């Protein structure tokens, strides 16, 4: 009985391991998406209005009394 259960457990583990990770094309698509998002975020953060707002926040934080 134990031997049969052990074989079943081994077969189940091997079946689950077959599709455990991403393939190269999925990694490539993930990297392309991440780079695209990073570029978009960079463009937004370095735009004039957002840049001015961030500078104002930093200026207020540095000039705050403690």
N, C-alpha and C. Protein backbone atom coordinates (compact mmCIF):
# COMPACT_ATOMS: atom_id res chain seq x y z
N UNK A 1 0.83 -1.20 0.00
CA UNK A 1 0.00 0.00 0.00
C UNK A 1 0.87 1.26 0.00
N UNK A 2 1.89 1.27 0.87
CA UNK A 2 2.78 2.43 0.94
C UNK A 2 3.53 2.66 -0.37
N UNK A 3 3.92 1.56 -0.96
CA UNK A 3 4.66 1.66 -2.22
C UNK A 3 3.78 2.26 -3.32
N UNK A 4 2.54 1.86 -3.36
CA UNK A 4 1.61 2.38 -4.36
C UNK A 4 1.35 3.87 -4.13
N UNK A 5 1.17 4.25 -2.87
CA UNK A 5 0.95 5.66 -2.54
C UNK A 5 2.19 6.49 -2.89
N UNK A 6 3.36 5.93 -2.64
CA UNK A 6 4.61 6.62 -2.98
C UNK A 6 4.74 6.84 -4.48
N UNK A 7 4.38 5.83 -5.26
CA UNK A 7 4.44 5.95 -6.71
C UNK A 7 3.44 7.01 -7.21
N UNK A 8 2.25 7.00 -6.64
CA UNK A 8 1.25 8.00 -7.03
C UNK A 8 1.72 9.40 -6.69
N UNK A 9 2.31 9.56 -5.52
CA UNK A 9 2.82 10.87 -5.09
C UNK A 9 3.94 11.35 -6.02
N UNK A 10 4.83 10.43 -6.39
CA UNK A 10 5.92 10.76 -7.30
C UNK A 10 5.38 11.17 -8.66
N UNK A 11 4.40 10.44 -9.16
CA UNK A 11 3.81 10.77 -10.46
C UNK A 11 3.12 12.13 -10.42
N UNK A 12 2.44 12.43 -9.33
CA UNK A 12 1.77 13.72 -9.19
C UNK A 12 2.77 14.86 -9.15
N UNK A 13 3.86 14.69 -8.42
CA UNK A 13 4.90 15.73 -8.36
C UNK A 13 5.52 15.97 -9.73
N UNK A 14 5.79 14.92 -10.46
CA UNK A 14 6.38 15.06 -11.79
C UNK A 14 5.42 15.75 -12.74
N UNK A 15 4.15 15.45 -12.64
CA UNK A 15 3.15 16.09 -13.49
C UNK A 15 3.05 17.58 -13.20
N UNK A 16 3.12 17.94 -11.94
CA UNK A 16 3.03 19.35 -11.55
C UNK A 16 4.28 20.13 -11.95
N UNK A 17 5.40 19.48 -12.03
CA UNK A 17 6.66 20.15 -12.36
C UNK A 17 6.81 20.42 -13.86
N UNK A 18 6.03 19.79 -14.68
CA UNK A 18 6.18 19.93 -16.13
C UNK A 18 5.98 21.36 -16.60
N UNK A 19 5.02 22.07 -16.04
CA UNK A 19 4.72 23.43 -16.49
C UNK A 19 4.84 24.38 -15.30
N UNK A 20 6.01 24.39 -14.69
CA UNK A 20 6.18 25.14 -13.45
C UNK A 20 6.61 26.59 -13.66
N UNK A 21 7.19 26.92 -14.82
CA UNK A 21 7.71 28.27 -14.99
C UNK A 21 7.38 28.85 -16.35
N UNK A 22 7.88 30.06 -16.55
CA UNK A 22 7.66 30.72 -17.82
C UNK A 22 8.71 30.27 -18.83
N UNK A 23 8.33 30.30 -20.08
CA UNK A 23 9.28 30.00 -21.14
C UNK A 23 9.94 31.30 -21.58
N UNK A 24 10.93 31.20 -22.42
CA UNK A 24 11.72 32.35 -22.83
C UNK A 24 10.86 33.44 -23.46
N UNK A 25 9.90 33.07 -24.28
CA UNK A 25 9.05 34.08 -24.92
C UNK A 25 8.21 34.83 -23.89
N UNK A 26 7.78 34.15 -22.84
CA UNK A 26 7.01 34.83 -21.80
C UNK A 26 7.90 35.80 -21.02
N UNK A 27 9.14 35.40 -20.75
CA UNK A 27 10.08 36.31 -20.10
C UNK A 27 10.32 37.54 -20.97
N UNK A 28 10.48 37.32 -22.27
CA UNK A 28 10.72 38.43 -23.19
C UNK A 28 9.54 39.40 -23.19
N UNK A 29 8.33 38.88 -23.24
CA UNK A 29 7.14 39.74 -23.24
C UNK A 29 7.02 40.48 -21.90
N UNK A 30 7.36 39.83 -20.81
CA UNK A 30 7.33 40.48 -19.51
C UNK A 30 8.34 41.62 -19.43
N UNK A 31 9.53 41.40 -19.97
CA UNK A 31 10.56 42.44 -19.96
C UNK A 31 10.15 43.60 -20.83
N UNK A 32 9.59 43.32 -22.01
CA UNK A 32 9.13 44.40 -22.90
C UNK A 32 8.04 45.22 -22.22
N UNK A 33 7.12 44.57 -21.56
CA UNK A 33 6.05 45.28 -20.86
C UNK A 33 6.62 46.13 -19.71
N UNK A 34 7.57 45.58 -18.97
CA UNK A 34 8.17 46.32 -17.85
C UNK A 34 8.94 47.54 -18.34
N UNK A 35 9.67 47.38 -19.44
CA UNK A 35 10.42 48.51 -20.00
C UNK A 35 9.46 49.57 -20.51
N UNK A 36 8.39 49.16 -21.17
CA UNK A 36 7.39 50.11 -21.64
C UNK A 36 6.77 50.89 -20.50
N UNK A 37 6.44 50.20 -19.42
CA UNK A 37 5.86 50.87 -18.25
C UNK A 37 6.88 51.82 -17.63
N UNK A 38 8.14 51.42 -17.57
CA UNK A 38 9.19 52.27 -16.99
C UNK A 38 9.36 53.54 -17.81
N UNK A 39 9.32 53.42 -19.14
CA UNK A 39 9.45 54.59 -20.00
C UNK A 39 8.27 55.52 -19.81
N UNK A 40 7.07 54.96 -19.75
CA UNK A 40 5.88 55.78 -19.52
C UNK A 40 5.95 56.50 -18.18
N UNK A 41 6.35 55.79 -17.14
CA UNK A 41 6.47 56.39 -15.81
C UNK A 41 7.53 57.49 -15.80
N UNK A 42 8.65 57.26 -16.47
CA UNK A 42 9.71 58.26 -16.55
C UNK A 42 9.21 59.52 -17.26
N UNK A 43 8.48 59.35 -18.34
CA UNK A 43 7.95 60.50 -19.08
C UNK A 43 6.97 61.30 -18.22
N UNK A 44 6.14 60.61 -17.46
CA UNK A 44 5.18 61.30 -16.61
C UNK A 44 5.89 62.06 -15.50
N UNK A 45 6.85 61.41 -14.84
CA UNK A 45 7.54 62.02 -13.70
C UNK A 45 8.41 63.19 -14.14
N UNK A 46 8.99 63.12 -15.33
CA UNK A 46 9.85 64.20 -15.77
C UNK A 46 9.10 65.28 -16.56
N UNK A 47 7.80 65.17 -16.68
CA UNK A 47 7.03 66.21 -17.36
C UNK A 47 7.04 67.47 -16.50
N UNK A 48 6.81 68.61 -17.11
CA UNK A 48 6.93 69.89 -16.43
C UNK A 48 6.05 70.02 -15.20
N UNK A 49 4.78 69.71 -15.32
CA UNK A 49 3.85 69.90 -14.21
C UNK A 49 4.17 68.97 -13.04
N UNK A 50 4.42 67.72 -13.32
CA UNK A 50 4.72 66.76 -12.26
C UNK A 50 6.06 67.10 -11.61
N UNK A 51 7.02 67.49 -12.42
CA UNK A 51 8.33 67.86 -11.89
C UNK A 51 8.21 69.05 -10.94
N UNK A 52 7.42 70.05 -11.33
CA UNK A 52 7.21 71.22 -10.47
C UNK A 52 6.52 70.83 -9.16
N UNK A 53 5.54 69.97 -9.24
CA UNK A 53 4.84 69.52 -8.03
C UNK A 53 5.78 68.75 -7.10
N UNK A 54 6.60 67.87 -7.66
CA UNK A 54 7.55 67.12 -6.83
C UNK A 54 8.57 68.05 -6.18
N UNK A 55 9.04 69.04 -6.92
CA UNK A 55 9.98 70.00 -6.35
C UNK A 55 9.33 70.80 -5.24
N UNK A 56 8.06 71.18 -5.40
CA UNK A 56 7.35 71.92 -4.36
C UNK A 56 7.20 71.07 -3.10
N UNK A 57 6.91 69.79 -3.27
CA UNK A 57 6.77 68.89 -2.11
C UNK A 57 8.10 68.78 -1.37
N UNK A 58 9.18 68.59 -2.10
CA UNK A 58 10.50 68.46 -1.48
C UNK A 58 10.88 69.77 -0.79
N UNK A 59 10.59 70.90 -1.43
CA UNK A 59 10.91 72.20 -0.85
C UNK A 59 10.15 72.41 0.47
N UNK A 60 8.86 72.07 0.46
CA UNK A 60 8.07 72.19 1.71
C UNK A 60 8.60 71.26 2.80
N UNK A 61 9.00 70.06 2.41
CA UNK A 61 9.50 69.10 3.39
C UNK A 61 10.82 69.57 3.99
N UNK A 62 11.68 70.15 3.17
CA UNK A 62 12.96 70.61 3.67
C UNK A 62 12.86 71.89 4.49
N UNK A 63 11.84 72.69 4.24
CA UNK A 63 11.70 73.94 4.97
C UNK A 63 10.79 73.82 6.18
N UNK A 64 10.30 72.63 6.48
CA UNK A 64 9.41 72.42 7.62
C UNK A 64 10.19 72.53 8.92
N UNK A 65 9.53 73.12 9.92
CA UNK A 65 10.16 73.22 11.25
C UNK A 65 10.00 71.92 12.00
N UNK A 66 11.02 71.61 12.78
CA UNK A 66 10.97 70.38 13.56
C UNK A 66 10.99 70.69 15.03
